[in-house]
Amino acid sequence: MMKILHVSCSPRGQASESRRLSQEIVGCLLAGEPTAQVTDRVVGLGGIAPIDADYADSQQSSEDVSREGSAAVSAELIQELESADVLVIGTPMHNYTVPSTLKLWIDHVVRVRHTFNVGRDGKVAMLRDRPVFVAVSSGGRFSGEGARQPDFLTPYLKTILDMIGLHDLTFFSVQGTAFGPQAVAEARARTDQAMQEHFSSFFPLRGEQGFALTSREAV
């Protein structure tokens, strides 16, 4: 049975565009694998505290100095990630990069001796690879025609997830949400088309019938 980990990072919760888009991705995965199990990890509403001193010390030590506090939260989050066959991240772009809520999740799962190690030639990934889908919403446009702002989110996520062993990343985005309902509708239509094409190849047999792009609550 496929296991899906859905990490949702927007402080706007259900009202956010990135949440809506990531739920559509989960819906496509469930359409291809109806028995899949979904774990929802909502971090956008303040669910993860900043790392504590013991955790920070452990990252620079030869062994963990504590199993409590941030280390215990980290262990839980890493276990969720290790158990998942597919990772779906729904995130807004804040100030050209990842929001602080997603950065906190990353700080807890990118952990020395647990998801990466340090060898003679540098850092070595410890996780097995799996598909990662990233749903991004942004008020401005950072790619394609009409792009007017830089993008530090995409290269950062590619780099940091690659460091722990996650190389198979696919990004979908709804950009220009600050330009009004018409711009959002057009961006959604372009993204929906891209998702239809991608998941038709991801699940080739299911793709013959097409995918209904709906949020997970409607599946």
N, C-alpha and C. Protein backbone atom coordinates (compact mmCIF):
# COMPACT_ATOMS: atom_id res chain seq x y z
N MET A 1 0.84 -1.20 0.00
CA MET A 1 0.00 0.00 0.00
C MET A 1 0.88 1.25 0.00
N MET A 2 0.60 2.15 -0.92
CA MET A 2 1.34 3.40 -0.99
C MET A 2 1.05 4.26 0.25
N LYS A 3 2.11 4.89 0.78
CA LYS A 3 1.97 5.83 1.88
C LYS A 3 2.39 7.21 1.40
N ILE A 4 1.52 8.19 1.62
CA ILE A 4 1.74 9.56 1.17
C ILE A 4 1.89 10.45 2.40
N LEU A 5 2.96 11.22 2.45
CA LEU A 5 3.13 12.24 3.48
C LEU A 5 2.84 13.60 2.86
N HIS A 6 1.84 14.29 3.41
CA HIS A 6 1.43 15.60 2.90
C HIS A 6 1.82 16.65 3.94
N VAL A 7 2.81 17.47 3.61
CA VAL A 7 3.29 18.53 4.50
C VAL A 7 2.73 19.86 3.99
N SER A 8 1.92 20.50 4.81
CA SER A 8 1.25 21.75 4.42
C SER A 8 1.82 22.90 5.24
N CYS A 9 2.28 23.95 4.55
CA CYS A 9 3.12 24.96 5.22
C CYS A 9 2.52 26.36 5.30
N SER A 10 1.36 26.59 4.74
CA SER A 10 0.83 27.96 4.73
C SER A 10 0.14 28.31 6.05
N PRO A 11 0.37 29.51 6.57
CA PRO A 11 -0.34 29.95 7.77
C PRO A 11 -1.82 30.22 7.50
N ARG A 12 -2.22 30.23 6.23
CA ARG A 12 -3.62 30.48 5.88
C ARG A 12 -4.46 29.21 5.87
N GLY A 13 -3.84 28.09 6.13
CA GLY A 13 -4.58 26.84 6.25
C GLY A 13 -5.36 26.48 5.00
N GLN A 14 -6.62 26.09 5.19
CA GLN A 14 -7.46 25.65 4.09
C GLN A 14 -7.71 26.74 3.05
N ALA A 15 -7.55 28.00 3.45
CA ALA A 15 -7.80 29.10 2.52
C ALA A 15 -6.64 29.35 1.57
N SER A 16 -5.53 28.68 1.76
CA SER A 16 -4.34 28.99 0.98
C SER A 16 -4.35 28.30 -0.39
N GLU A 17 -3.74 28.95 -1.35
CA GLU A 17 -3.63 28.40 -2.70
C GLU A 17 -2.69 27.21 -2.73
N SER A 18 -1.61 27.26 -1.97
CA SER A 18 -0.68 26.12 -1.96
C SER A 18 -1.32 24.89 -1.34
N ARG A 19 -2.17 25.08 -0.32
CA ARG A 19 -2.90 23.96 0.28
C ARG A 19 -3.86 23.35 -0.74
N ARG A 20 -4.59 24.21 -1.46
CA ARG A 20 -5.52 23.71 -2.47
C ARG A 20 -4.78 22.91 -3.53
N LEU A 21 -3.65 23.43 -4.00
CA LEU A 21 -2.90 22.77 -5.05
C LEU A 21 -2.29 21.45 -4.55
N SER A 22 -1.76 21.45 -3.34
CA SER A 22 -1.18 20.20 -2.83
C SER A 22 -2.25 19.14 -2.59
N GLN A 23 -3.45 19.56 -2.22
CA GLN A 23 -4.55 18.61 -2.07
C GLN A 23 -4.94 18.01 -3.43
N GLU A 24 -4.85 18.81 -4.49
CA GLU A 24 -5.10 18.27 -5.83
C GLU A 24 -4.07 17.22 -6.18
N ILE A 25 -2.82 17.46 -5.82
CA ILE A 25 -1.78 16.46 -6.08
C ILE A 25 -2.08 15.17 -5.32
N VAL A 26 -2.44 15.30 -4.05
CA VAL A 26 -2.81 14.12 -3.27
C VAL A 26 -4.00 13.42 -3.91
N GLY A 27 -4.97 14.19 -4.41
CA GLY A 27 -6.12 13.61 -5.08
C GLY A 27 -5.73 12.81 -6.31
N CYS A 28 -4.78 13.32 -7.09
CA CYS A 28 -4.29 12.59 -8.26
C CYS A 28 -3.62 11.28 -7.84
N LEU A 29 -2.84 11.33 -6.77
CA LEU A 29 -2.19 10.12 -6.29
C LEU A 29 -3.21 9.10 -5.81
N LEU A 30 -4.26 9.57 -5.15
CA LEU A 30 -5.30 8.66 -4.68
C LEU A 30 -6.12 8.11 -5.84
N ALA A 31 -6.26 8.88 -6.91
CA ALA A 31 -6.97 8.38 -8.08
C ALA A 31 -6.21 7.21 -8.70
N GLY A 32 -4.88 7.28 -8.66
CA GLY A 32 -4.07 6.20 -9.20
C GLY A 32 -3.91 5.04 -8.24
N GLU A 33 -3.92 5.35 -6.92
CA GLU A 33 -3.77 4.33 -5.87
C GLU A 33 -4.83 4.58 -4.81
N PRO A 34 -6.07 4.13 -5.04
CA PRO A 34 -7.18 4.45 -4.13
C PRO A 34 -6.98 3.96 -2.69
N THR A 35 -6.15 2.96 -2.49
CA THR A 35 -5.95 2.43 -1.14
C THR A 35 -4.79 3.11 -0.41
N ALA A 36 -4.20 4.10 -1.03
CA ALA A 36 -3.05 4.76 -0.42
C ALA A 36 -3.43 5.38 0.93
N GLN A 37 -2.48 5.38 1.84
CA GLN A 37 -2.66 5.97 3.17
C GLN A 37 -2.01 7.34 3.20
N VAL A 38 -2.76 8.35 3.68
CA VAL A 38 -2.26 9.73 3.69
C VAL A 38 -2.02 10.19 5.13
N THR A 39 -0.83 10.71 5.38
CA THR A 39 -0.52 11.36 6.65
C THR A 39 -0.44 12.85 6.41
N ASP A 40 -1.30 13.61 7.08
CA ASP A 40 -1.29 15.07 6.95
C ASP A 40 -0.46 15.67 8.07
N ARG A 41 0.60 16.35 7.69
CA ARG A 41 1.44 17.05 8.67
C ARG A 41 1.29 18.55 8.40
N VAL A 42 0.47 19.22 9.20
CA VAL A 42 0.21 20.64 9.02
C VAL A 42 1.22 21.42 9.88
N VAL A 43 2.13 22.11 9.22
CA VAL A 43 3.15 22.86 9.95
C VAL A 43 2.94 24.37 9.82
N GLY A 44 2.01 24.78 8.96
CA GLY A 44 1.85 26.20 8.68
C GLY A 44 1.16 26.99 9.76
N LEU A 45 0.55 26.31 10.72
CA LEU A 45 -0.18 27.00 11.78
C LEU A 45 0.58 26.98 13.09
N GLY A 46 1.90 26.85 13.02
CA GLY A 46 2.73 26.92 14.22
C GLY A 46 2.88 25.59 14.93
N GLY A 47 2.80 24.50 14.20
CA GLY A 47 2.85 23.18 14.83
C GLY A 47 4.23 22.73 15.25
N ILE A 48 5.29 23.38 14.79
CA ILE A 48 6.65 22.98 15.12
C ILE A 48 7.38 24.16 15.76
N ALA A 49 7.96 23.92 16.92
CA ALA A 49 8.73 24.96 17.60
C ALA A 49 10.14 25.03 17.03
N PRO A 50 10.81 26.16 17.19
CA PRO A 50 12.22 26.24 16.76
C PRO A 50 13.08 25.21 17.49
N ILE A 51 14.17 24.82 16.88
CA ILE A 51 15.04 23.82 17.49
C ILE A 51 15.65 24.38 18.78
N ASP A 52 15.87 23.46 19.74
CA ASP A 52 16.41 23.88 21.03
C ASP A 52 17.93 23.73 21.07
N ALA A 53 18.51 24.11 22.19
CA ALA A 53 19.98 24.14 22.31
C ALA A 53 20.58 22.74 22.21
N ASP A 54 19.93 21.74 22.84
CA ASP A 54 20.46 20.39 22.80
C ASP A 54 20.51 19.85 21.37
N TYR A 55 19.48 20.16 20.60
CA TYR A 55 19.46 19.70 19.21
C TYR A 55 20.57 20.38 18.41
N ALA A 56 20.72 21.68 18.63
CA ALA A 56 21.78 22.42 17.93
C ALA A 56 23.15 21.87 18.30
N ASP A 57 23.35 21.56 19.59
CA ASP A 57 24.62 20.98 20.02
C ASP A 57 24.85 19.61 19.38
N SER A 58 23.77 18.82 19.25
CA SER A 58 23.88 17.49 18.67
C SER A 58 24.34 17.55 17.22
N GLN A 59 23.90 18.57 16.51
CA GLN A 59 24.26 18.71 15.10
C GLN A 59 25.76 18.95 14.92
N GLN A 60 26.43 19.38 16.00
CA GLN A 60 27.87 19.65 15.92
C GLN A 60 28.69 18.65 16.73
N SER A 61 28.01 17.63 17.29
CA SER A 61 28.69 16.67 18.15
C SER A 61 28.80 15.32 17.46
N SER A 62 29.55 14.42 18.07
CA SER A 62 29.74 13.07 17.52
C SER A 62 28.57 12.15 17.85
N GLU A 63 27.67 12.59 18.74
CA GLU A 63 26.48 11.82 19.09
C GLU A 63 25.41 12.76 19.60
N ASP A 64 24.18 12.27 19.66
CA ASP A 64 23.08 13.09 20.16
C ASP A 64 23.26 13.32 21.66
N VAL A 65 23.06 14.55 22.10
CA VAL A 65 23.22 14.85 23.52
C VAL A 65 21.90 14.72 24.27
N SER A 66 20.79 14.57 23.55
CA SER A 66 19.49 14.42 24.18
C SER A 66 18.53 13.74 23.23
N ARG A 67 17.54 13.03 23.79
CA ARG A 67 16.47 12.44 22.99
C ARG A 67 15.14 13.14 23.26
N GLU A 68 15.20 14.22 24.00
CA GLU A 68 13.99 14.95 24.37
C GLU A 68 13.91 16.25 23.58
N GLY A 69 12.84 17.01 23.82
CA GLY A 69 12.69 18.31 23.18
C GLY A 69 12.66 18.21 21.67
N SER A 70 13.48 19.02 21.01
CA SER A 70 13.51 19.04 19.55
C SER A 70 13.93 17.70 18.97
N ALA A 71 14.79 16.97 19.69
CA ALA A 71 15.23 15.66 19.19
C ALA A 71 14.05 14.70 19.08
N ALA A 72 13.12 14.75 20.03
CA ALA A 72 11.95 13.88 19.99
C ALA A 72 11.03 14.27 18.84
N VAL A 73 10.83 15.57 18.64
CA VAL A 73 10.02 16.04 17.51
C VAL A 73 10.67 15.62 16.20
N SER A 74 11.97 15.80 16.11
CA SER A 74 12.71 15.41 14.92
C SER A 74 12.54 13.93 14.62
N ALA A 75 12.65 13.09 15.64
CA ALA A 75 12.51 11.65 15.44
C ALA A 75 11.14 11.30 14.87
N GLU A 76 10.10 11.97 15.36
CA GLU A 76 8.75 11.72 14.85
C GLU A 76 8.61 12.15 13.40
N LEU A 77 9.13 13.32 13.07
CA LEU A 77 9.03 13.83 11.70
C LEU A 77 9.86 12.99 10.74
N ILE A 78 11.02 12.56 11.16
CA ILE A 78 11.86 11.72 10.30
C ILE A 78 11.20 10.36 10.07
N GLN A 79 10.58 9.82 11.11
CA GLN A 79 9.88 8.54 10.96
C GLN A 79 8.75 8.65 9.94
N GLU A 80 8.01 9.75 9.97
CA GLU A 80 6.96 9.97 8.98
C GLU A 80 7.55 10.00 7.57
N LEU A 81 8.66 10.71 7.43
CA LEU A 81 9.29 10.85 6.12
C LEU A 81 9.86 9.51 5.64
N GLU A 82 10.52 8.79 6.51
CA GLU A 82 11.09 7.49 6.12
C GLU A 82 10.02 6.50 5.71
N SER A 83 8.85 6.58 6.34
CA SER A 83 7.77 5.63 6.05
C SER A 83 7.04 5.94 4.75
N ALA A 84 7.15 7.17 4.27
CA ALA A 84 6.38 7.60 3.11
C ALA A 84 6.99 7.09 1.81
N ASP A 85 6.12 6.69 0.87
CA ASP A 85 6.54 6.34 -0.48
C ASP A 85 6.55 7.55 -1.39
N VAL A 86 5.73 8.54 -1.04
CA VAL A 86 5.63 9.79 -1.81
C VAL A 86 5.54 10.94 -0.81
N LEU A 87 6.24 12.02 -1.08
CA LEU A 87 6.18 13.23 -0.27
C LEU A 87 5.53 14.34 -1.09
N VAL A 88 4.51 14.97 -0.51
CA VAL A 88 3.86 16.13 -1.14
C VAL A 88 4.03 17.31 -0.20
N ILE A 89 4.59 18.40 -0.71
CA ILE A 89 4.78 19.62 0.08
C ILE A 89 3.95 20.73 -0.55
N GLY A 90 3.10 21.35 0.26
CA GLY A 90 2.36 22.52 -0.18
C GLY A 90 2.91 23.74 0.53
N THR A 91 3.44 24.72 -0.23
CA THR A 91 4.09 25.85 0.41
C THR A 91 3.88 27.15 -0.36
N PRO A 92 3.68 28.24 0.34
CA PRO A 92 3.76 29.55 -0.33
C PRO A 92 5.21 29.95 -0.51
N MET A 93 5.44 30.93 -1.35
CA MET A 93 6.75 31.56 -1.45
C MET A 93 6.70 32.84 -0.63
N HIS A 94 7.58 32.94 0.35
CA HIS A 94 7.66 34.14 1.19
C HIS A 94 9.02 34.81 0.97
N ASN A 95 8.97 36.06 0.54
CA ASN A 95 10.22 36.82 0.34
C ASN A 95 11.20 36.06 -0.54
N TYR A 96 10.68 35.51 -1.64
CA TYR A 96 11.44 34.83 -2.68
C TYR A 96 11.90 33.42 -2.31
N THR A 97 11.55 32.93 -1.12
CA THR A 97 12.07 31.63 -0.71
C THR A 97 11.04 30.89 0.14
N VAL A 98 11.49 29.85 0.88
CA VAL A 98 10.55 29.06 1.67
C VAL A 98 10.10 29.85 2.89
N PRO A 99 8.86 29.62 3.36
CA PRO A 99 8.40 30.27 4.58
C PRO A 99 9.10 29.67 5.80
N SER A 100 9.06 30.39 6.90
CA SER A 100 9.73 29.93 8.12
C SER A 100 9.17 28.61 8.61
N THR A 101 7.88 28.35 8.36
CA THR A 101 7.27 27.11 8.81
C THR A 101 7.88 25.90 8.11
N LEU A 102 8.11 26.00 6.80
CA LEU A 102 8.75 24.91 6.07
C LEU A 102 10.21 24.78 6.48
N LYS A 103 10.88 25.90 6.72
CA LYS A 103 12.28 25.85 7.16
C LYS A 103 12.40 25.11 8.48
N LEU A 104 11.44 25.29 9.40
CA LEU A 104 11.48 24.57 10.67
C LEU A 104 11.35 23.06 10.45
N TRP A 105 10.44 22.65 9.56
CA TRP A 105 10.31 21.22 9.25
C TRP A 105 11.63 20.69 8.69
N ILE A 106 12.22 21.43 7.77
CA ILE A 106 13.50 21.02 7.18
C ILE A 106 14.58 20.92 8.26
N ASP A 107 14.63 21.91 9.15
CA ASP A 107 15.66 21.88 10.20
C ASP A 107 15.53 20.65 11.09
N HIS A 108 14.31 20.12 11.23
CA HIS A 108 14.10 18.93 12.05
C HIS A 108 14.37 17.63 11.30
N VAL A 109 14.18 17.59 9.99
CA VAL A 109 14.37 16.33 9.27
C VAL A 109 15.74 16.22 8.61
N VAL A 110 16.43 17.33 8.45
CA VAL A 110 17.81 17.29 7.93
C VAL A 110 18.72 17.21 9.14
N ARG A 111 19.00 16.00 9.57
CA ARG A 111 19.64 15.76 10.87
C ARG A 111 20.82 14.80 10.71
N VAL A 112 21.96 15.24 11.17
CA VAL A 112 23.16 14.44 11.06
C VAL A 112 22.99 13.11 11.82
N ARG A 113 23.53 12.03 11.21
CA ARG A 113 23.46 10.66 11.71
C ARG A 113 22.08 10.04 11.57
N HIS A 114 21.11 10.79 11.07
CA HIS A 114 19.75 10.27 10.92
C HIS A 114 19.28 10.32 9.46
N THR A 115 19.45 11.45 8.80
CA THR A 115 19.07 11.55 7.39
C THR A 115 20.26 11.89 6.49
N PHE A 116 21.36 12.29 7.09
CA PHE A 116 22.61 12.43 6.35
C PHE A 116 23.75 12.20 7.32
N ASN A 117 24.90 11.91 6.78
CA ASN A 117 26.09 11.78 7.60
C ASN A 117 27.22 12.57 6.97
N VAL A 118 28.28 12.72 7.70
CA VAL A 118 29.43 13.48 7.20
C VAL A 118 30.61 12.53 7.08
N GLY A 119 31.06 12.37 5.85
CA GLY A 119 32.19 11.49 5.59
C GLY A 119 33.43 12.26 5.19
N ARG A 120 34.40 11.53 4.76
CA ARG A 120 35.68 12.14 4.39
C ARG A 120 35.53 13.14 3.25
N ASP A 121 34.57 12.85 2.35
CA ASP A 121 34.38 13.72 1.18
C ASP A 121 33.19 14.66 1.33
N GLY A 122 32.67 14.77 2.55
CA GLY A 122 31.55 15.67 2.78
C GLY A 122 30.30 14.95 3.22
N LYS A 123 29.15 15.56 2.99
CA LYS A 123 27.87 15.02 3.47
C LYS A 123 27.40 13.88 2.56
N VAL A 124 26.84 12.84 3.21
CA VAL A 124 26.37 11.65 2.51
C VAL A 124 24.91 11.41 2.88
N ALA A 125 24.04 11.30 1.88
CA ALA A 125 22.61 11.09 2.12
C ALA A 125 22.36 9.71 2.72
N MET A 126 21.33 9.63 3.58
CA MET A 126 20.98 8.37 4.23
C MET A 126 19.57 7.88 3.89
N LEU A 127 18.74 8.72 3.27
CA LEU A 127 17.38 8.31 2.95
C LEU A 127 17.32 7.69 1.55
N ARG A 128 16.39 6.77 1.35
CA ARG A 128 16.13 6.25 0.01
C ARG A 128 15.36 7.32 -0.78
N ASP A 129 15.56 7.34 -2.06
CA ASP A 129 14.85 8.30 -2.91
C ASP A 129 13.40 7.89 -3.06
N ARG A 130 12.55 8.87 -3.33
CA ARG A 130 11.13 8.64 -3.61
C ARG A 130 10.59 9.88 -4.31
N PRO A 131 9.44 9.79 -4.99
CA PRO A 131 8.90 10.98 -5.64
C PRO A 131 8.52 12.07 -4.63
N VAL A 132 8.89 13.28 -4.95
CA VAL A 132 8.54 14.45 -4.14
C VAL A 132 7.81 15.44 -5.06
N PHE A 133 6.61 15.83 -4.66
CA PHE A 133 5.84 16.82 -5.40
C PHE A 133 5.73 18.07 -4.55
N VAL A 134 6.07 19.22 -5.13
CA VAL A 134 6.04 20.48 -4.41
C VAL A 134 5.03 21.41 -5.08
N ALA A 135 4.02 21.81 -4.31
CA ALA A 135 3.00 22.75 -4.78
C ALA A 135 3.33 24.13 -4.23
N VAL A 136 3.58 25.08 -5.12
CA VAL A 136 4.03 26.41 -4.71
C VAL A 136 3.01 27.46 -5.14
N SER A 137 2.68 28.36 -4.24
CA SER A 137 1.88 29.53 -4.62
C SER A 137 2.70 30.79 -4.35
N SER A 138 2.52 31.79 -5.20
CA SER A 138 3.26 33.04 -5.01
C SER A 138 2.44 34.20 -5.52
N GLY A 139 2.57 35.32 -4.84
CA GLY A 139 1.85 36.53 -5.25
C GLY A 139 2.37 37.08 -6.55
N GLY A 140 3.69 37.00 -6.77
CA GLY A 140 4.29 37.43 -8.02
C GLY A 140 4.60 36.26 -8.92
N ARG A 141 5.28 36.53 -10.03
CA ARG A 141 5.65 35.49 -10.98
C ARG A 141 7.16 35.33 -10.99
N PHE A 142 7.61 34.09 -10.77
CA PHE A 142 9.04 33.83 -10.69
C PHE A 142 9.56 32.92 -11.80
N SER A 143 8.69 32.48 -12.70
CA SER A 143 9.13 31.66 -13.82
C SER A 143 8.22 31.90 -15.02
N GLY A 144 8.73 31.54 -16.21
CA GLY A 144 7.92 31.67 -17.41
C GLY A 144 7.79 33.11 -17.87
N GLU A 145 6.87 33.31 -18.81
CA GLU A 145 6.65 34.63 -19.37
C GLU A 145 6.11 35.58 -18.31
N GLY A 146 6.65 36.75 -18.23
CA GLY A 146 6.19 37.74 -17.27
C GLY A 146 6.82 37.62 -15.90
N ALA A 147 7.84 36.77 -15.75
CA ALA A 147 8.51 36.63 -14.45
C ALA A 147 9.21 37.94 -14.09
N ARG A 148 8.97 38.40 -12.85
CA ARG A 148 9.55 39.67 -12.41
C ARG A 148 10.25 39.57 -11.07
N GLN A 149 10.37 38.37 -10.52
CA GLN A 149 11.02 38.26 -9.22
C GLN A 149 11.93 37.04 -9.18
N PRO A 150 12.96 37.07 -8.34
CA PRO A 150 13.87 35.92 -8.25
C PRO A 150 13.23 34.75 -7.53
N ASP A 151 13.83 33.60 -7.70
CA ASP A 151 13.35 32.35 -7.09
C ASP A 151 14.49 31.68 -6.35
N PHE A 152 14.46 31.79 -5.01
CA PHE A 152 15.42 31.07 -4.19
C PHE A 152 14.79 29.83 -3.56
N LEU A 153 13.48 29.67 -3.72
CA LEU A 153 12.77 28.52 -3.15
C LEU A 153 13.11 27.23 -3.88
N THR A 154 12.97 27.24 -5.20
CA THR A 154 13.18 26.01 -5.98
C THR A 154 14.61 25.48 -5.85
N PRO A 155 15.64 26.29 -6.09
CA PRO A 155 17.00 25.74 -5.96
C PRO A 155 17.33 25.32 -4.53
N TYR A 156 16.79 26.03 -3.53
CA TYR A 156 17.07 25.65 -2.15
C TYR A 156 16.48 24.27 -1.84
N LEU A 157 15.21 24.05 -2.20
CA LEU A 157 14.59 22.76 -1.92
C LEU A 157 15.29 21.64 -2.67
N LYS A 158 15.67 21.89 -3.91
CA LYS A 158 16.40 20.86 -4.67
C LYS A 158 17.71 20.51 -3.97
N THR A 159 18.41 21.50 -3.48
CA THR A 159 19.71 21.28 -2.86
C THR A 159 19.58 20.58 -1.51
N ILE A 160 18.70 21.07 -0.65
CA ILE A 160 18.62 20.55 0.71
C ILE A 160 18.01 19.15 0.73
N LEU A 161 17.02 18.87 -0.13
CA LEU A 161 16.43 17.53 -0.16
C LEU A 161 17.37 16.54 -0.84
N ASP A 162 18.11 17.01 -1.82
CA ASP A 162 19.13 16.16 -2.44
C ASP A 162 20.17 15.73 -1.41
N MET A 163 20.47 16.58 -0.47
CA MET A 163 21.49 16.28 0.54
C MET A 163 21.10 15.10 1.41
N ILE A 164 19.80 14.86 1.60
CA ILE A 164 19.37 13.73 2.44
C ILE A 164 18.91 12.53 1.60
N GLY A 165 18.99 12.66 0.26
CA GLY A 165 18.69 11.51 -0.60
C GLY A 165 17.46 11.62 -1.45
N LEU A 166 16.76 12.75 -1.41
CA LEU A 166 15.54 12.93 -2.20
C LEU A 166 15.87 13.73 -3.45
N HIS A 167 15.93 13.03 -4.59
CA HIS A 167 16.38 13.65 -5.83
C HIS A 167 15.25 13.85 -6.85
N ASP A 168 14.17 13.09 -6.70
CA ASP A 168 13.10 13.04 -7.70
C ASP A 168 12.03 14.07 -7.38
N LEU A 169 12.31 15.35 -7.67
CA LEU A 169 11.40 16.44 -7.34
C LEU A 169 10.64 16.93 -8.57
N THR A 170 9.35 17.16 -8.38
CA THR A 170 8.51 17.76 -9.42
C THR A 170 7.78 18.95 -8.81
N PHE A 171 7.87 20.10 -9.46
CA PHE A 171 7.26 21.32 -8.95
C PHE A 171 6.04 21.70 -9.80
N PHE A 172 4.96 22.06 -9.12
CA PHE A 172 3.80 22.68 -9.74
C PHE A 172 3.55 24.00 -9.01
N SER A 173 3.15 25.02 -9.75
CA SER A 173 2.98 26.32 -9.09
C SER A 173 1.77 27.07 -9.65
N VAL A 174 1.18 27.86 -8.77
CA VAL A 174 0.18 28.85 -9.17
C VAL A 174 0.78 30.20 -8.80
N GLN A 175 1.19 30.95 -9.82
CA GLN A 175 1.89 32.20 -9.63
C GLN A 175 1.00 33.39 -9.99
N GLY A 176 1.32 34.53 -9.42
CA GLY A 176 0.58 35.75 -9.72
C GLY A 176 -0.73 35.87 -8.98
N THR A 177 -0.81 35.29 -7.78
CA THR A 177 -2.08 35.33 -7.04
C THR A 177 -2.43 36.75 -6.59
N ALA A 178 -1.46 37.66 -6.60
CA ALA A 178 -1.73 39.04 -6.20
C ALA A 178 -2.36 39.86 -7.31
N PHE A 179 -2.51 39.27 -8.52
CA PHE A 179 -3.00 40.03 -9.67
C PHE A 179 -4.49 39.85 -9.93
N GLY A 180 -5.20 39.27 -8.98
CA GLY A 180 -6.64 39.19 -9.10
C GLY A 180 -7.18 37.84 -9.54
N PRO A 181 -8.51 37.67 -9.44
CA PRO A 181 -9.15 36.39 -9.72
C PRO A 181 -8.91 35.85 -11.12
N GLN A 182 -8.89 36.73 -12.14
CA GLN A 182 -8.68 36.26 -13.50
C GLN A 182 -7.28 35.67 -13.67
N ALA A 183 -6.28 36.33 -13.09
CA ALA A 183 -4.91 35.82 -13.17
C ALA A 183 -4.80 34.48 -12.45
N VAL A 184 -5.47 34.36 -11.32
CA VAL A 184 -5.43 33.09 -10.57
C VAL A 184 -6.09 31.98 -11.38
N ALA A 185 -7.25 32.28 -11.99
CA ALA A 185 -7.95 31.28 -12.79
C ALA A 185 -7.09 30.80 -13.96
N GLU A 186 -6.41 31.73 -14.62
CA GLU A 186 -5.54 31.36 -15.74
C GLU A 186 -4.35 30.52 -15.26
N ALA A 187 -3.77 30.90 -14.13
CA ALA A 187 -2.64 30.15 -13.59
C ALA A 187 -3.08 28.75 -13.18
N ARG A 188 -4.25 28.63 -12.58
CA ARG A 188 -4.77 27.32 -12.19
C ARG A 188 -4.98 26.43 -13.42
N ALA A 189 -5.51 27.00 -14.48
CA ALA A 189 -5.77 26.22 -15.69
C ALA A 189 -4.47 25.68 -16.28
N ARG A 190 -3.44 26.51 -16.32
CA ARG A 190 -2.15 26.05 -16.85
C ARG A 190 -1.57 24.93 -15.98
N THR A 191 -1.67 25.10 -14.67
CA THR A 191 -1.12 24.10 -13.76
C THR A 191 -1.93 22.81 -13.83
N ASP A 192 -3.25 22.92 -13.91
CA ASP A 192 -4.08 21.72 -14.03
C ASP A 192 -3.72 20.91 -15.26
N GLN A 193 -3.45 21.59 -16.37
CA GLN A 193 -3.06 20.89 -17.60
C GLN A 193 -1.72 20.17 -17.41
N ALA A 194 -0.78 20.85 -16.76
CA ALA A 194 0.53 20.24 -16.51
C ALA A 194 0.38 19.02 -15.60
N MET A 195 -0.50 19.11 -14.61
CA MET A 195 -0.71 17.98 -13.71
C MET A 195 -1.38 16.81 -14.41
N GLN A 196 -2.35 17.10 -15.27
CA GLN A 196 -3.00 16.05 -16.04
C GLN A 196 -1.96 15.26 -16.84
N GLU A 197 -1.09 15.98 -17.51
CA GLU A 197 -0.07 15.34 -18.34
C GLU A 197 0.91 14.54 -17.49
N HIS A 198 1.31 15.11 -16.37
CA HIS A 198 2.30 14.41 -15.55
C HIS A 198 1.73 13.14 -14.95
N PHE A 199 0.57 13.20 -14.35
CA PHE A 199 0.04 12.04 -13.66
C PHE A 199 -0.50 10.98 -14.62
N SER A 200 -0.78 11.37 -15.86
CA SER A 200 -1.14 10.37 -16.86
C SER A 200 0.05 9.47 -17.17
N SER A 201 1.27 10.02 -17.06
CA SER A 201 2.46 9.20 -17.26
C SER A 201 2.91 8.55 -15.96
N PHE A 202 2.62 9.19 -14.82
CA PHE A 202 2.97 8.63 -13.52
C PHE A 202 2.17 7.36 -13.25
N PHE A 203 0.87 7.38 -13.62
CA PHE A 203 0.01 6.21 -13.55
C PHE A 203 -0.51 5.92 -14.96
N PRO A 204 0.27 5.29 -15.82
CA PRO A 204 -0.10 5.16 -17.24
C PRO A 204 -1.44 4.49 -17.48
N LEU A 205 -1.80 3.46 -16.71
CA LEU A 205 -3.08 2.80 -16.93
C LEU A 205 -4.24 3.71 -16.53
N ARG A 206 -4.09 4.38 -15.41
CA ARG A 206 -5.13 5.31 -14.96
C ARG A 206 -5.20 6.50 -15.90
N GLY A 207 -4.08 6.84 -16.51
CA GLY A 207 -4.03 8.01 -17.37
C GLY A 207 -4.89 7.88 -18.60
N GLU A 208 -5.21 6.65 -19.02
CA GLU A 208 -6.08 6.47 -20.17
C GLU A 208 -7.47 7.03 -19.92
N GLN A 209 -7.88 7.09 -18.64
CA GLN A 209 -9.20 7.59 -18.30
C GLN A 209 -9.17 9.06 -17.89
N GLY A 210 -7.95 9.60 -17.70
CA GLY A 210 -7.82 10.98 -17.26
C GLY A 210 -7.91 11.08 -15.75
N PHE A 211 -7.60 12.27 -15.23
CA PHE A 211 -7.63 12.51 -13.80
C PHE A 211 -8.58 13.66 -13.50
N ALA A 212 -9.43 13.44 -12.50
CA ALA A 212 -10.29 14.53 -12.03
C ALA A 212 -9.52 15.29 -10.97
N LEU A 213 -9.22 16.56 -11.24
CA LEU A 213 -8.41 17.34 -10.30
C LEU A 213 -9.32 17.94 -9.25
N THR A 214 -9.38 17.28 -8.11
CA THR A 214 -10.21 17.72 -6.99
C THR A 214 -9.38 17.68 -5.73
N SER A 215 -9.79 18.44 -4.74
CA SER A 215 -9.10 18.38 -3.46
C SER A 215 -9.36 17.04 -2.80
N ARG A 216 -8.51 16.69 -1.82
CA ARG A 216 -8.61 15.37 -1.20
C ARG A 216 -9.95 15.20 -0.49
N GLU A 217 -10.50 16.29 0.05
CA GLU A 217 -11.77 16.18 0.76
C GLU A 217 -12.89 15.71 -0.17
N ALA A 218 -12.72 15.94 -1.48
CA ALA A 218 -13.77 15.58 -2.43
C ALA A 218 -13.53 14.21 -3.04
N VAL A 219 -12.39 13.57 -2.73
CA VAL A 219 -12.07 12.29 -3.32
C VAL A 219 -12.85 11.18 -2.63
